[in-house]
Amino acid sequence: MVEFTVVGFYPDTLQRFATSLEAKGPDEAENLCTQRYPGVVVCGVFVGCHQAVDTAEFIED
């Protein structure tokens, strides 16, 4: 199993979406995501765990 980050949005609200999950491949990651989060439109699947900028905590100098 490999960790993937799936990104997308909800078309009714245009709310952005990102989650990380483990799957055998990118197609399975996309399928798992749409099963767990009905209504989400997937825009991309990336290998690894990537945190969305709008959820990341940044430390300013």
PDB file of N, CA and C in Angstrom:
ATOM      1  N   MET A   1       0.849  -1.184   0.000  1.00  0.00           N
ATOM      2  CA  MET A   1       0.000   0.000   0.000  1.00  0.00           C
ATOM      3  C   MET A   1       0.890   1.242   0.000  1.00  0.00           C
ATOM      4  N   VAL A   2       0.430   2.239  -0.710  1.00  0.00           N
ATOM      5  CA  VAL A   2       1.154   3.494  -0.856  1.00  0.00           C
ATOM      6  C   VAL A   2       0.240   4.625  -0.395  1.00  0.00           C
ATOM      7  N   GLU A   3       0.812   5.661   0.179  1.00  0.00           N
ATOM      8  CA  GLU A   3       0.016   6.811   0.592  1.00  0.00           C
ATOM      9  C   GLU A   3      -0.146   7.767  -0.587  1.00  0.00           C
ATOM     10  N   PHE A   4      -1.383   8.211  -0.797  1.00  0.00           N
ATOM     11  CA  PHE A   4      -1.720   9.156  -1.865  1.00  0.00           C
ATOM     12  C   PHE A   4      -2.475  10.334  -1.286  1.00  0.00           C
ATOM     13  N   THR A   5      -2.326  11.492  -1.907  1.00  0.00           N
ATOM     14  CA  THR A   5      -3.131  12.656  -1.590  1.00  0.00           C
ATOM     15  C   THR A   5      -4.080  12.889  -2.753  1.00  0.00           C
ATOM     16  N   VAL A   6      -5.356  12.999  -2.437  1.00  0.00           N
ATOM     17  CA  VAL A   6      -6.385  13.238  -3.438  1.00  0.00           C
ATOM     18  C   VAL A   6      -6.907  14.653  -3.227  1.00  0.00           C
ATOM     19  N   VAL A   7      -6.942  15.445  -4.302  1.00  0.00           N
ATOM     20  CA  VAL A   7      -7.438  16.821  -4.215  1.00  0.00           C
ATOM     21  C   VAL A   7      -8.619  16.993  -5.159  1.00  0.00           C
ATOM     22  N   GLY A   8      -9.508  17.891  -4.777  1.00  0.00           N
ATOM     23  CA  GLY A   8     -10.680  18.144  -5.599  1.00  0.00           C
ATOM     24  C   GLY A   8     -11.503  19.275  -5.018  1.00  0.00           C
ATOM     25  N   PHE A   9     -12.811  19.235  -5.300  1.00  0.00           N
ATOM     26  CA  PHE A   9     -13.721  20.263  -4.792  1.00  0.00           C
ATOM     27  C   PHE A   9     -15.148  19.723  -4.798  1.00  0.00           C
ATOM     28  N   TYR A  10     -16.018  20.408  -4.059  1.00  0.00           N
ATOM     29  CA  TYR A  10     -17.443  20.100  -4.057  1.00  0.00           C
ATOM     30  C   TYR A  10     -18.121  21.086  -5.010  1.00  0.00           C
ATOM     31  N   PRO A  11     -18.761  20.609  -6.069  1.00  0.00           N
ATOM     32  CA  PRO A  11     -19.311  21.513  -7.077  1.00  0.00           C
ATOM     33  C   PRO A  11     -20.455  22.397  -6.581  1.00  0.00           C
ATOM     34  N   ASP A  12     -21.197  21.941  -5.587  1.00  0.00           N
ATOM     35  CA  ASP A  12     -22.327  22.744  -5.117  1.00  0.00           C
ATOM     36  C   ASP A  12     -21.896  23.947  -4.291  1.00  0.00           C
ATOM     37  N   THR A  13     -20.740  23.860  -3.612  1.00  0.00           N
ATOM     38  CA  THR A  13     -20.260  24.969  -2.773  1.00  0.00           C
ATOM     39  C   THR A  13     -18.928  25.537  -3.244  1.00  0.00           C
ATOM     40  N   LEU A  14     -18.272  24.849  -4.180  1.00  0.00           N
ATOM     41  CA  LEU A  14     -16.925  25.188  -4.662  1.00  0.00           C
ATOM     42  C   LEU A  14     -15.874  25.110  -3.557  1.00  0.00           C
ATOM     43  N   GLN A  15     -16.201  24.423  -2.461  1.00  0.00           N
ATOM     44  CA  GLN A  15     -15.245  24.225  -1.376  1.00  0.00           C
ATOM     45  C   GLN A  15     -14.143  23.289  -1.842  1.00  0.00           C
ATOM     46  N   ARG A  16     -12.885  23.687  -1.594  1.00  0.00           N
ATOM     47  CA  ARG A  16     -11.753  22.842  -1.957  1.00  0.00           C
ATOM     48  C   ARG A  16     -11.686  21.637  -1.037  1.00  0.00           C
ATOM     49  N   PHE A  17     -11.019  20.590  -1.507  1.00  0.00           N
ATOM     50  CA  PHE A  17     -10.968  19.333  -0.777  1.00  0.00           C
ATOM     51  C   PHE A  17      -9.594  18.703  -0.951  1.00  0.00           C
ATOM     52  N   ALA A  18      -9.058  18.136   0.116  1.00  0.00           N
ATOM     53  CA  ALA A  18      -7.812  17.354   0.048  1.00  0.00           C
ATOM     54  C   ALA A  18      -7.816  16.349   1.190  1.00  0.00           C
ATOM     55  N   THR A  19      -7.379  15.133   0.885  1.00  0.00           N
ATOM     56  CA  THR A  19      -7.240  14.110   1.911  1.00  0.00           C
ATOM     57  C   THR A  19      -6.124  13.164   1.502  1.00  0.00           C
ATOM     58  N   SER A  20      -5.542  12.502   2.480  1.00  0.00           N
ATOM     59  CA  SER A  20      -4.512  11.489   2.215  1.00  0.00           C
ATOM     60  C   SER A  20      -5.045  10.140   2.659  1.00  0.00           C
ATOM     61  N   LEU A  21      -4.744   9.115   1.860  1.00  0.00           N
ATOM     62  CA  LEU A  21      -5.177   7.764   2.206  1.00  0.00           C
ATOM     63  C   LEU A  21      -4.246   6.746   1.559  1.00  0.00           C
ATOM     64  N   GLU A  22      -4.309   5.526   2.050  1.00  0.00           N
ATOM     65  CA  GLU A  22      -3.465   4.456   1.525  1.00  0.00           C
ATOM     66  C   GLU A  22      -4.246   3.632   0.511  1.00  0.00           C
ATOM     67  N   ALA A  23      -3.573   3.311  -0.597  1.00  0.00           N
ATOM     68  CA  ALA A  23      -4.196   2.524  -1.658  1.00  0.00           C
ATOM     69  C   ALA A  23      -3.106   1.797  -2.440  1.00  0.00           C
ATOM     70  N   LYS A  24      -3.532   0.875  -3.289  1.00  0.00           N
ATOM     71  CA  LYS A  24      -2.584   0.123  -4.121  1.00  0.00           C
ATOM     72  C   LYS A  24      -2.084   0.951  -5.292  1.00  0.00           C
ATOM     73  N   GLY A  25      -2.875   1.910  -5.736  1.00  0.00           N
ATOM     74  CA  GLY A  25      -2.511   2.756  -6.870  1.00  0.00           C
ATOM     75  C   GLY A  25      -3.393   3.989  -6.921  1.00  0.00           C
ATOM     76  N   PRO A  26      -3.113   4.908  -7.833  1.00  0.00           N
ATOM     77  CA  PRO A  26      -3.875   6.161  -7.898  1.00  0.00           C
ATOM     78  C   PRO A  26      -5.348   5.959  -8.246  1.00  0.00           C
ATOM     79  N   ASP A  27      -5.658   4.993  -9.097  1.00  0.00           N
ATOM     80  CA  ASP A  27      -7.064   4.744  -9.426  1.00  0.00           C
ATOM     81  C   ASP A  27      -7.846   4.274  -8.203  1.00  0.00           C
ATOM     82  N   GLU A  28      -7.232   3.386  -7.433  1.00  0.00           N
ATOM     83  CA  GLU A  28      -7.895   2.919  -6.215  1.00  0.00           C
ATOM     84  C   GLU A  28      -8.041   4.060  -5.216  1.00  0.00           C
ATOM     85  N   ALA A  29      -7.043   4.922  -5.110  1.00  0.00           N
ATOM     86  CA  ALA A  29      -7.127   6.068  -4.197  1.00  0.00           C
ATOM     87  C   ALA A  29      -8.293   6.974  -4.581  1.00  0.00           C
ATOM     88  N   GLU A  30      -8.449   7.221  -5.873  1.00  0.00           N
ATOM     89  CA  GLU A  30      -9.562   8.058  -6.335  1.00  0.00           C
ATOM     90  C   GLU A  30     -10.902   7.396  -6.029  1.00  0.00           C
ATOM     91  N   ASN A  31     -11.001   6.099  -6.288  1.00  0.00           N
ATOM     92  CA  ASN A  31     -12.253   5.380  -6.014  1.00  0.00           C
ATOM     93  C   ASN A  31     -12.594   5.369  -4.526  1.00  0.00           C
ATOM     94  N   LEU A  32     -11.596   5.121  -3.673  1.00  0.00           N
ATOM     95  CA  LEU A  32     -11.830   5.139  -2.228  1.00  0.00           C
ATOM     96  C   LEU A  32     -12.300   6.519  -1.771  1.00  0.00           C
ATOM     97  N   CYS A  33     -11.683   7.546  -2.315  1.00  0.00           N
ATOM     98  CA  CYS A  33     -12.039   8.910  -1.937  1.00  0.00           C
ATOM     99  C   CYS A  33     -13.486   9.227  -2.288  1.00  0.00           C
ATOM    100  N   THR A  34     -13.889   8.909  -3.513  1.00  0.00           N
ATOM    101  CA  THR A  34     -15.261   9.236  -3.920  1.00  0.00           C
ATOM    102  C   THR A  34     -16.294   8.387  -3.183  1.00  0.00           C
ATOM    103  N   GLN A  35     -15.894   7.204  -2.704  1.00  0.00           N
ATOM    104  CA  GLN A  35     -16.807   6.398  -1.886  1.00  0.00           C
ATOM    105  C   GLN A  35     -16.951   6.996  -0.488  1.00  0.00           C
ATOM    106  N   ARG A  36     -15.834   7.474   0.074  1.00  0.00           N
ATOM    107  CA  ARG A  36     -15.852   8.026   1.440  1.00  0.00           C
ATOM    108  C   ARG A  36     -16.429   9.436   1.497  1.00  0.00           C
ATOM    109  N   TYR A  37     -16.283  10.175   0.423  1.00  0.00           N
ATOM    110  CA  TYR A  37     -16.713  11.577   0.384  1.00  0.00           C
ATOM    111  C   TYR A  37     -17.618  11.792  -0.828  1.00  0.00           C
ATOM    112  N   PRO A  38     -18.872  11.367  -0.730  1.00  0.00           N
ATOM    113  CA  PRO A  38     -19.801  11.489  -1.856  1.00  0.00           C
ATOM    114  C   PRO A  38     -19.940  12.948  -2.306  1.00  0.00           C
ATOM    115  N   GLY A  39     -19.974  13.133  -3.609  1.00  0.00           N
ATOM    116  CA  GLY A  39     -20.167  14.470  -4.157  1.00  0.00           C
ATOM    117  C   GLY A  39     -18.886  15.199  -4.506  1.00  0.00           C
ATOM    118  N   VAL A  40     -17.746  14.729  -3.995  1.00  0.00           N
ATOM    119  CA  VAL A  40     -16.488  15.414  -4.295  1.00  0.00           C
ATOM    120  C   VAL A  40     -16.085  15.115  -5.741  1.00  0.00           C
ATOM    121  N   VAL A  41     -15.579  16.147  -6.420  1.00  0.00           N
ATOM    122  CA  VAL A  41     -15.041  15.993  -7.768  1.00  0.00           C
ATOM    123  C   VAL A  41     -13.519  15.962  -7.638  1.00  0.00           C
ATOM    124  N   VAL A  42     -12.902  14.877  -8.071  1.00  0.00           N
ATOM    125  CA  VAL A  42     -11.457  14.707  -7.941  1.00  0.00           C
ATOM    126  C   VAL A  42     -10.756  15.431  -9.090  1.00  0.00           C
ATOM    127  N   CYS A  43      -9.764  16.258  -8.728  1.00  0.00           N
ATOM    128  CA  CYS A  43      -8.970  16.980  -9.725  1.00  0.00           C
ATOM    129  C   CYS A  43      -7.586  16.366  -9.907  1.00  0.00           C
ATOM    130  N   GLY A  44      -7.089  15.676  -8.888  1.00  0.00           N
ATOM    131  CA  GLY A  44      -5.769  15.083  -9.010  1.00  0.00           C
ATOM    132  C   GLY A  44      -5.463  14.135  -7.876  1.00  0.00           C
ATOM    133  N   VAL A  45      -4.523  13.224  -8.145  1.00  0.00           N
ATOM    134  CA  VAL A  45      -4.050  12.247  -7.162  1.00  0.00           C
ATOM    135  C   VAL A  45      -2.525  12.298  -7.203  1.00  0.00           C
ATOM    136  N   PHE A  46      -1.914  12.504  -6.038  1.00  0.00           N
ATOM    137  CA  PHE A  46      -0.465  12.631  -5.941  1.00  0.00           C
ATOM    138  C   PHE A  46       0.098  11.575  -5.011  1.00  0.00           C
ATOM    139  N   VAL A  47       1.258  11.053  -5.340  1.00  0.00           N
ATOM    140  CA  VAL A  47       1.929  10.088  -4.473  1.00  0.00           C
ATOM    141  C   VAL A  47       2.451  10.819  -3.253  1.00  0.00           C
ATOM    142  N   GLY A  48       2.220  10.258  -2.066  1.00  0.00           N
ATOM    143  CA  GLY A  48       2.702  10.834  -0.819  1.00  0.00           C
ATOM    144  C   GLY A  48       1.631  11.645  -0.120  1.00  0.00           C
ATOM    145  N   CYS A  49       1.974  12.081   1.071  1.00  0.00           N
ATOM    146  CA  CYS A  49       1.068  12.902   1.877  1.00  0.00           C
ATOM    147  C   CYS A  49       1.460  14.365   1.697  1.00  0.00           C
ATOM    148  N   HIS A  50       0.558  15.137   1.128  1.00  0.00           N
ATOM    149  CA  HIS A  50       0.802  16.560   0.877  1.00  0.00           C
ATOM    150  C   HIS A  50      -0.263  17.363   1.597  1.00  0.00           C
ATOM    151  N   GLN A  51       0.164  18.326   2.385  1.00  0.00           N
ATOM    152  CA  GLN A  51      -0.779  19.145   3.144  1.00  0.00           C
ATOM    153  C   GLN A  51      -1.207  20.345   2.303  1.00  0.00           C
ATOM    154  N   ALA A  52      -2.493  20.610   2.252  1.00  0.00           N
ATOM    155  CA  ALA A  52      -3.006  21.759   1.510  1.00  0.00           C
ATOM    156  C   ALA A  52      -2.552  23.057   2.180  1.00  0.00           C
ATOM    157  N   VAL A  53      -2.245  24.056   1.374  1.00  0.00           N
ATOM    158  CA  VAL A  53      -1.740  25.325   1.897  1.00  0.00           C
ATOM    159  C   VAL A  53      -2.732  25.965   2.857  1.00  0.00           C
ATOM    160  N   ASP A  54      -4.019  25.883   2.561  1.00  0.00           N
ATOM    161  CA  ASP A  54      -4.999  26.538   3.423  1.00  0.00           C
ATOM    162  C   ASP A  54      -5.253  25.783   4.726  1.00  0.00           C
ATOM    163  N   THR A  55      -4.640  24.605   4.903  1.00  0.00           N
ATOM    164  CA  THR A  55      -4.749  23.896   6.181  1.00  0.00           C
ATOM    165  C   THR A  55      -3.401  23.797   6.891  1.00  0.00           C
ATOM    166  N   ALA A  56      -2.341  24.246   6.226  1.00  0.00           N
ATOM    167  CA  ALA A  56      -0.996  24.145   6.815  1.00  0.00           C
ATOM    168  C   ALA A  56      -0.777  25.234   7.853  1.00  0.00           C
ATOM    169  N   GLU A  57       0.045  24.911   8.818  1.00  0.00           N
ATOM    170  CA  GLU A  57       0.438  25.898   9.826  1.00  0.00           C
ATOM    171  C   GLU A  57       1.837  26.387   9.495  1.00  0.00           C
ATOM    172  N   PHE A  58       1.949  27.680   9.265  1.00  0.00           N
ATOM    173  CA  PHE A  58       3.235  28.260   8.917  1.00  0.00           C
ATOM    174  C   PHE A  58       3.765  29.071  10.088  1.00  0.00           C
ATOM    175  N   ILE A  59       5.047  29.022  10.270  1.00  0.00           N
ATOM    176  CA  ILE A  59       5.689  29.830  11.309  1.00  0.00           C
ATOM    177  C   ILE A  59       6.381  30.992  10.609  1.00  0.00           C
ATOM    178  N   GLU A  60       5.954  32.190  10.913  1.00  0.00           N
ATOM    179  CA  GLU A  60       6.572  33.370  10.284  1.00  0.00           C
ATOM    180  C   GLU A  60       7.786  33.799  11.092  1.00  0.00           C
ATOM    181  N   ASP A  61       8.818  34.235  10.368  1.00  0.00           N
ATOM    182  CA  ASP A  61      10.040  34.703  11.024  1.00  0.00           C
ATOM    183  C   ASP A  61       9.843  36.065  11.650  1.00  0.00           C
TER     184      ASP A  61
END
